[in-house]
Amino acid sequence: MRKYKKKLVIILFLALLVIINSILNFILVPSTITRVIMHEIESEHDYKYIFLGTSHGSYGIDSNKVTEVLGSKTMNLCIGGEYLQDSYYLLKRAFETNKPDTIILDMDFEYLLKGPNSSLSGSSIYNLYPFSINKLSYFKDKVLGLDYRAAFFPWMDYRDNFSSALSVVKTKMSADYINYSVNAVKMNANNEYKHNGFLYRERSTHPKIQNHLIWDESNVDQKAVQYFNKIVDLCKSNNTKIIMMTTPVPVEEITYSIDEYEQAYAYVSKLAKANNIEFYNFNLLKESVFQRNIGDYNDYDGHMYGDTAERFSEILGRFLKDVQDGQVTLSDYFYDSIKDLQ
């Protein structure tokens, strides 16, 4: 009888913990764009081109413009904080709900050099992933290596926001939230979500801090390379073409460490060649094709303003159409070398 009571106390304690945790998540964790994006990829089933990558892609690739020019429906699954592990599991989910013809992996060398953030925000995509066998695998592969609170107590990332709890609850009780509307997401004043994964950023006059990341092959995260290979294998097993690309960053950022940039993309190109896939480095776009400078970006890191992204996406759509039709002439678009940008 005593053992039974002990077990009952433990069960009741765990149940109470789950209830309290659920309440705190509900009242503290705000609605996010990632939730809207996940719903879009799960609720629509006719995406033919899907982009994967980081925030460079979310701000730089206007999927609606690409769709218009290319003539095939496009989804942008590039999300801020998305590492190659996240891309792999997002792709798994995409294959469950869609049958894309082509996957385009936007490869920024920065995400080959550093592993996922160990803070709670490093699990932001995982926390919105639907419960499944894949989520258990996702947990084992990524979240176990992060702060344990990231998976079990997402609210702790917002524990200083109790003053906003009432507003969060009101939002989550609204029709906008229930229907996955972007109106339920509190966004930066300069940002506007244009759907299908594209974030449009208005121009601003804030100072742009130079925080340069310099390529060093000895710092390559081998786990990132492992997941790159898994993404390629997953595409092949689904009979889906995969293309690698790199969205263009400011010319000023490239010329700051031009030799290292050349080395970085030689490494990325080698990865593509080893897997027999195409790689297009849009940093090499000719000035006559796509004029750009730091004034077209929010920062030196390479996050485009919305009008810059629209210009680039029209070029990207046209280029992909040429590739699709077998009519692409690389010299029409690209310089031969990074050093031609000088």
Protein backbone atom coordinates (compact mmCIF):
# COMPACT_ATOMS: atom_id res chain seq x y z
CA MET A 1 0.00 0.00 0.00
CA ARG A 2 2.86 2.37 0.88
CA LYS A 3 4.55 1.68 -2.49
CA TYR A 4 1.26 2.36 -4.27
CA LYS A 5 0.93 5.73 -2.51
CA LYS A 6 4.50 6.67 -3.48
CA LYS A 7 3.78 5.83 -7.12
CA LEU A 8 0.53 7.80 -6.98
CA VAL A 9 2.33 10.83 -5.52
CA ILE A 10 4.94 10.66 -8.30
CA ILE A 11 2.25 10.35 -10.99
CA LEU A 12 0.28 13.27 -9.54
CA PHE A 13 3.44 15.38 -9.29
CA LEU A 14 4.34 14.70 -12.93
CA ALA A 15 0.77 15.42 -14.03
CA LEU A 16 0.83 18.72 -12.12
CA LEU A 17 4.18 19.59 -13.69
CA VAL A 18 2.79 18.93 -17.19
CA ILE A 19 -0.28 21.08 -16.47
CA ILE A 20 1.75 23.99 -15.07
CA ASN A 21 4.23 23.76 -17.96
CA SER A 22 1.38 23.78 -20.51
CA ILE A 23 -0.21 26.81 -18.87
CA LEU A 24 3.08 28.72 -18.81
CA ASN A 25 3.74 27.88 -22.46
CA PHE A 26 0.25 29.09 -23.36
CA ILE A 27 0.47 32.41 -21.51
CA LEU A 28 4.12 33.29 -22.23
CA VAL A 29 5.21 31.89 -25.61
CA PRO A 30 4.03 34.29 -28.34
CA SER A 31 2.86 33.36 -31.80
CA THR A 32 5.68 33.37 -34.36
CA ILE A 33 6.14 33.52 -38.11
CA THR A 34 7.66 30.02 -37.94
CA ARG A 35 4.26 28.69 -36.80
CA VAL A 36 2.60 30.32 -39.81
CA ILE A 37 5.24 28.95 -42.20
CA MET A 38 4.90 25.43 -40.79
CA HIS A 39 1.14 25.62 -41.32
CA GLU A 40 1.59 26.78 -44.92
CA ILE A 41 3.82 23.84 -45.85
CA GLU A 42 1.44 21.42 -44.12
CA SER A 43 -1.85 22.79 -45.47
CA GLU A 44 -0.95 23.22 -49.15
CA HIS A 45 0.17 20.30 -51.26
CA ASP A 46 1.24 21.69 -54.62
CA TYR A 47 4.64 23.30 -54.02
CA LYS A 48 7.02 22.33 -56.83
CA TYR A 49 10.11 24.26 -55.70
CA ILE A 50 11.05 24.43 -52.01
CA PHE A 51 13.91 26.54 -50.64
CA LEU A 52 15.75 25.57 -47.47
CA GLY A 53 18.26 27.76 -45.65
CA THR A 54 18.81 30.55 -43.17
CA SER A 55 17.51 34.06 -42.57
CA HIS A 56 19.49 35.23 -45.63
CA GLY A 57 16.95 33.30 -47.67
CA SER A 58 13.91 34.33 -45.64
CA TYR A 59 14.71 38.01 -46.32
CA GLY A 60 16.33 37.51 -49.72
CA ILE A 61 14.05 35.13 -51.63
CA ASP A 62 10.59 36.41 -52.54
CA SER A 63 8.95 33.08 -53.27
CA ASN A 64 5.91 34.81 -54.77
CA LYS A 65 8.09 36.66 -57.29
CA VAL A 66 9.98 33.44 -58.11
CA THR A 67 6.64 31.65 -58.64
CA GLU A 68 5.47 34.42 -60.98
CA VAL A 69 8.61 34.30 -63.14
CA LEU A 70 9.28 30.57 -62.98
CA GLY A 71 5.70 29.45 -63.47
CA SER A 72 5.89 26.81 -60.72
CA LYS A 73 4.59 27.24 -57.17
CA THR A 74 7.41 27.97 -54.75
CA MET A 75 7.75 27.79 -50.96
CA ASN A 76 10.49 29.46 -48.94
CA LEU A 77 11.37 27.32 -45.90
CA CYS A 78 14.41 29.44 -45.04
CA ILE A 79 13.98 30.42 -41.39
CA GLY A 80 16.15 32.44 -39.04
CA GLY A 81 18.22 30.08 -36.88
CA GLU A 82 17.72 27.18 -39.29
CA TYR A 83 20.79 24.97 -39.26
CA LEU A 84 21.30 22.00 -41.55
CA GLN A 85 19.86 19.66 -38.92
CA ASP A 86 16.68 21.75 -38.95
CA SER A 87 16.66 21.86 -42.76
CA TYR A 88 16.82 18.08 -42.84
CA TYR A 89 13.76 17.65 -40.62
CA LEU A 90 11.86 20.46 -42.34
CA LEU A 91 12.52 18.65 -45.61
CA LYS A 92 11.22 15.40 -44.14
CA ARG A 93 8.02 17.20 -43.18
CA ALA A 94 7.77 18.82 -46.61
CA PHE A 95 7.99 15.41 -48.30
CA GLU A 96 5.12 14.18 -46.11
CA THR A 97 2.81 16.92 -47.35
CA ASN A 98 4.12 17.76 -50.84
CA LYS A 99 5.78 16.20 -53.86
CA PRO A 100 8.23 18.89 -54.98
CA ASP A 101 10.16 18.58 -58.23
CA THR A 102 13.17 20.51 -56.94
CA ILE A 103 14.71 21.35 -53.56
CA ILE A 104 17.02 24.37 -53.45
CA LEU A 105 19.41 24.52 -50.51
CA ASP A 106 20.64 28.05 -49.84
CA MET A 107 24.08 27.36 -48.39
CA ASP A 108 25.66 30.12 -46.33
CA PHE A 109 29.18 29.12 -45.28
CA GLU A 110 28.56 30.70 -41.87
CA TYR A 111 26.35 27.75 -40.94
CA LEU A 112 29.14 25.32 -41.74
CA LEU A 113 31.43 27.00 -39.21
CA LYS A 114 29.32 27.08 -36.09
CA GLY A 115 26.95 24.64 -34.49
CA PRO A 116 23.42 25.40 -33.31
CA ASN A 117 22.98 27.96 -30.59
CA SER A 118 22.91 26.20 -27.22
CA SER A 119 20.31 28.65 -25.88
CA LEU A 120 16.59 27.98 -25.83
CA SER A 121 16.13 29.77 -29.16
CA GLY A 122 18.16 27.02 -30.82
CA SER A 123 15.10 24.77 -30.62
CA SER A 124 12.52 27.22 -32.00
CA ILE A 125 11.80 25.12 -35.11
CA TYR A 126 11.82 21.85 -33.16
CA ASN A 127 9.24 23.20 -30.70
CA LEU A 128 6.77 23.79 -33.56
CA TYR A 129 7.42 20.47 -35.30
CA PRO A 130 4.37 18.15 -35.18
CA PHE A 131 4.63 15.20 -32.82
CA SER A 132 5.75 12.12 -34.74
CA ILE A 133 8.50 9.51 -34.98
CA ASN A 134 10.49 12.14 -36.88
CA LYS A 135 10.17 14.55 -33.96
CA LEU A 136 11.58 11.94 -31.58
CA SER A 137 14.51 11.48 -33.95
CA TYR A 138 14.87 15.29 -34.22
CA PHE A 139 15.00 15.48 -30.42
CA LYS A 140 17.72 12.84 -30.22
CA ASP A 141 19.78 14.32 -33.06
CA LYS A 142 19.67 17.97 -32.07
CA VAL A 143 17.87 18.94 -28.89
CA LEU A 144 19.71 16.55 -26.58
CA GLY A 145 22.84 18.56 -27.32
CA LEU A 146 21.18 21.84 -26.31
CA ASP A 147 19.99 23.21 -23.01
CA TYR A 148 17.46 20.58 -21.80
CA ARG A 149 14.95 23.34 -21.05
CA ALA A 150 14.78 24.11 -24.77
CA ALA A 151 12.56 21.11 -25.48
CA PHE A 152 10.69 20.66 -22.21
CA PHE A 153 10.11 24.24 -21.04
CA PRO A 154 9.90 26.63 -24.03
CA TRP A 155 8.31 29.28 -21.80
CA MET A 156 11.62 29.79 -19.99
CA ASP A 157 12.87 31.73 -22.99
CA TYR A 158 10.12 34.25 -22.20
CA ARG A 159 10.18 34.13 -18.41
CA ASP A 160 10.85 37.88 -18.20
CA ASN A 161 7.69 38.63 -20.20
CA PHE A 162 4.98 38.03 -17.59
CA SER A 163 3.78 41.59 -18.17
CA SER A 164 2.81 40.51 -21.72
CA ALA A 165 0.97 37.37 -20.61
CA LEU A 166 -2.53 38.84 -20.94
CA SER A 167 -1.78 40.06 -24.46
CA VAL A 168 -0.39 36.65 -25.45
CA VAL A 169 -3.49 34.89 -24.10
CA LYS A 170 -5.84 37.28 -25.92
CA THR A 171 -3.95 36.65 -29.15
CA LYS A 172 -4.10 32.87 -28.73
CA MET A 173 -7.85 33.02 -28.13
CA SER A 174 -8.38 35.06 -31.30
CA ALA A 175 -9.63 33.84 -34.67
CA ASP A 176 -6.42 35.14 -36.26
CA TYR A 177 -4.29 32.80 -34.15
CA ILE A 178 -6.61 29.82 -34.58
CA ASN A 179 -6.56 30.34 -38.36
CA TYR A 180 -2.76 30.82 -38.52
CA SER A 181 -3.05 34.41 -39.68
CA VAL A 182 0.04 36.58 -39.74
CA ASN A 183 -2.08 39.18 -37.91
CA ALA A 184 -1.55 37.14 -34.75
CA VAL A 185 2.22 37.65 -34.92
CA LYS A 186 3.86 40.68 -33.34
CA MET A 187 6.59 41.68 -35.76
CA ASN A 188 9.35 44.24 -36.01
CA ALA A 189 7.90 47.50 -37.35
CA ASN A 190 10.10 47.29 -40.47
CA ASN A 191 9.12 43.70 -41.32
CA GLU A 192 6.12 42.45 -43.27
CA TYR A 193 5.33 38.80 -43.93
CA LYS A 194 4.38 38.29 -47.58
CA HIS A 195 3.45 34.59 -47.21
CA ASN A 196 5.11 31.47 -48.58
CA GLY A 197 8.08 32.13 -46.30
CA PHE A 198 9.16 35.59 -47.49
CA LEU A 199 9.90 38.38 -45.00
CA TYR A 200 9.91 41.85 -46.57
CA ARG A 201 12.05 44.35 -44.67
CA GLU A 202 11.56 48.08 -45.22
CA ARG A 203 14.64 50.26 -45.61
CA SER A 204 15.92 52.05 -42.51
CA THR A 205 18.73 54.43 -41.62
CA HIS A 206 20.17 52.61 -38.62
CA PRO A 207 23.98 52.26 -38.40
CA LYS A 208 25.28 48.96 -39.80
CA ILE A 209 27.73 47.21 -37.52
CA GLN A 210 30.58 45.37 -39.20
CA ASN A 211 30.75 41.97 -37.53
CA HIS A 212 32.73 39.94 -40.04
CA LEU A 213 32.91 36.16 -39.92
CA ILE A 214 36.11 34.95 -41.60
CA TRP A 215 36.23 31.53 -43.26
CA ASP A 216 38.56 28.97 -41.70
CA GLU A 217 38.22 25.40 -42.94
CA SER A 218 39.64 24.03 -39.69
CA ASN A 219 36.49 25.32 -37.96
CA VAL A 220 34.03 23.46 -40.19
CA ASP A 221 31.39 21.67 -38.12
CA GLN A 222 31.47 18.08 -39.37
CA LYS A 223 27.95 17.48 -38.06
CA ALA A 224 26.74 20.17 -40.47
CA VAL A 225 28.49 18.37 -43.33
CA GLN A 226 26.89 15.11 -42.20
CA TYR A 227 23.42 16.67 -42.37
CA PHE A 228 24.15 18.22 -45.73
CA ASN A 229 24.84 14.70 -47.01
CA LYS A 230 21.64 13.44 -45.36
CA ILE A 231 19.63 16.15 -47.13
CA VAL A 232 21.11 15.10 -50.47
CA ASP A 233 20.35 11.43 -49.76
CA LEU A 234 16.78 12.27 -48.70
CA CYS A 235 16.18 14.09 -51.98
CA LYS A 236 17.61 11.20 -53.97
CA SER A 237 15.46 8.67 -52.12
CA ASN A 238 12.40 10.76 -53.05
CA ASN A 239 13.51 11.10 -56.69
CA THR A 240 13.69 14.87 -56.25
CA LYS A 241 16.31 17.12 -57.79
CA ILE A 242 18.43 19.15 -55.39
CA ILE A 243 20.30 22.34 -56.26
CA MET A 244 22.67 24.31 -54.03
CA MET A 245 22.88 28.08 -54.19
CA THR A 246 24.11 31.04 -52.16
CA THR A 247 22.15 34.28 -51.92
CA PRO A 248 24.36 37.32 -52.57
CA VAL A 249 25.73 39.35 -49.66
CA PRO A 250 27.03 42.94 -49.94
CA VAL A 251 30.06 43.32 -52.17
CA GLU A 252 31.71 45.26 -49.32
CA GLU A 253 31.46 42.19 -47.08
CA ILE A 254 33.09 39.97 -49.69
CA THR A 255 35.95 42.34 -50.47
CA TYR A 256 36.74 42.68 -46.75
CA SER A 257 38.13 39.11 -46.81
CA ILE A 258 38.05 38.20 -50.48
CA ASP A 259 40.65 35.42 -50.33
CA GLU A 260 38.74 33.68 -47.54
CA TYR A 261 35.46 34.06 -49.44
CA GLU A 262 37.06 32.39 -52.43
CA GLN A 263 38.26 29.53 -50.20
CA ALA A 264 34.84 29.21 -48.56
CA TYR A 265 32.97 28.77 -51.79
CA ALA A 266 35.63 26.50 -53.23
CA TYR A 267 34.87 24.27 -50.22
CA VAL A 268 31.10 24.50 -50.78
CA SER A 269 31.60 23.80 -54.48
CA LYS A 270 33.64 20.73 -53.56
CA LEU A 271 30.78 19.48 -51.36
CA ALA A 272 28.38 19.86 -54.28
CA LYS A 273 30.71 18.15 -56.73
CA ALA A 274 31.25 15.21 -54.36
CA ASN A 275 27.47 14.68 -54.33
CA ASN A 276 27.05 15.30 -58.07
CA ILE A 277 24.69 18.25 -57.62
CA GLU A 278 24.63 21.74 -59.15
CA PHE A 279 25.88 24.71 -57.13
CA TYR A 280 25.26 28.32 -58.13
CA ASN A 281 27.01 31.06 -56.18
CA PHE A 282 24.92 34.21 -56.64
CA ASN A 283 27.68 36.26 -55.02
CA LEU A 284 29.22 36.01 -58.50
CA LEU A 285 26.32 37.79 -60.21
CA LYS A 286 27.62 40.32 -62.69
CA GLU A 287 27.03 43.97 -61.87
CA SER A 288 25.20 44.29 -65.18
CA VAL A 289 22.75 41.63 -63.95
CA PHE A 290 22.33 42.63 -60.28
CA GLN A 291 23.75 45.85 -58.91
CA ARG A 292 24.16 45.85 -55.14
CA ASN A 293 26.03 47.51 -52.31
CA ILE A 294 25.70 47.81 -48.54
CA GLY A 295 22.88 50.34 -49.01
CA ASP A 296 20.69 47.50 -50.33
CA TYR A 297 21.07 45.47 -47.14
CA ASN A 298 20.00 45.78 -43.53
CA ASP A 299 23.45 44.66 -42.37
CA TYR A 300 26.86 43.50 -43.54
CA ASP A 301 25.83 39.91 -42.83
CA GLY A 302 23.65 39.94 -45.94
CA HIS A 303 19.98 40.39 -44.99
CA MET A 304 18.38 42.19 -47.92
CA TYR A 305 15.86 44.97 -47.84
CA GLY A 306 12.55 43.98 -49.41
CA ASP A 307 12.96 45.91 -52.66
CA THR A 308 16.44 44.40 -53.10
CA ALA A 309 15.00 40.92 -52.53
CA GLU A 310 12.32 41.51 -55.14
CA ARG A 311 14.95 42.52 -57.71
CA PHE A 312 17.09 39.51 -56.85
CA SER A 313 14.13 37.11 -56.87
CA GLU A 314 13.12 38.15 -60.37
CA ILE A 315 16.65 37.29 -61.53
CA LEU A 316 16.56 34.04 -59.54
CA GLY A 317 13.23 33.03 -61.06
CA ARG A 318 14.50 33.76 -64.56
CA PHE A 319 17.70 31.81 -63.89
CA LEU A 320 15.79 28.78 -62.54
CA LYS A 321 13.49 28.89 -65.57
CA ASP A 322 16.56 28.77 -67.83
CA VAL A 323 17.94 25.84 -65.81
CA GLN A 324 14.58 24.06 -65.94
CA ASP A 325 14.38 24.52 -69.72
CA GLY A 326 18.01 23.52 -70.25
CA GLN A 327 18.81 26.93 -71.73
CA VAL A 328 21.03 28.49 -69.07
CA THR A 329 24.29 30.15 -70.10
CA LEU A 330 26.28 30.72 -66.90
CA SER A 331 28.44 33.45 -68.40
CA ASP A 332 25.31 35.53 -68.98
CA TYR A 333 24.81 35.71 -65.22
CA PHE A 334 28.07 35.09 -63.38
CA TYR A 335 31.66 36.26 -63.16
CA ASP A 336 34.27 33.50 -63.26
CA SER A 337 35.80 34.43 -59.91
CA ILE A 338 34.95 36.22 -56.67
CA LYS A 339 37.91 38.51 -57.40
CA ASP A 340 36.07 39.87 -60.45
CA LEU A 341 33.89 41.76 -57.95
CA GLN A 342 36.78 44.06 -57.02
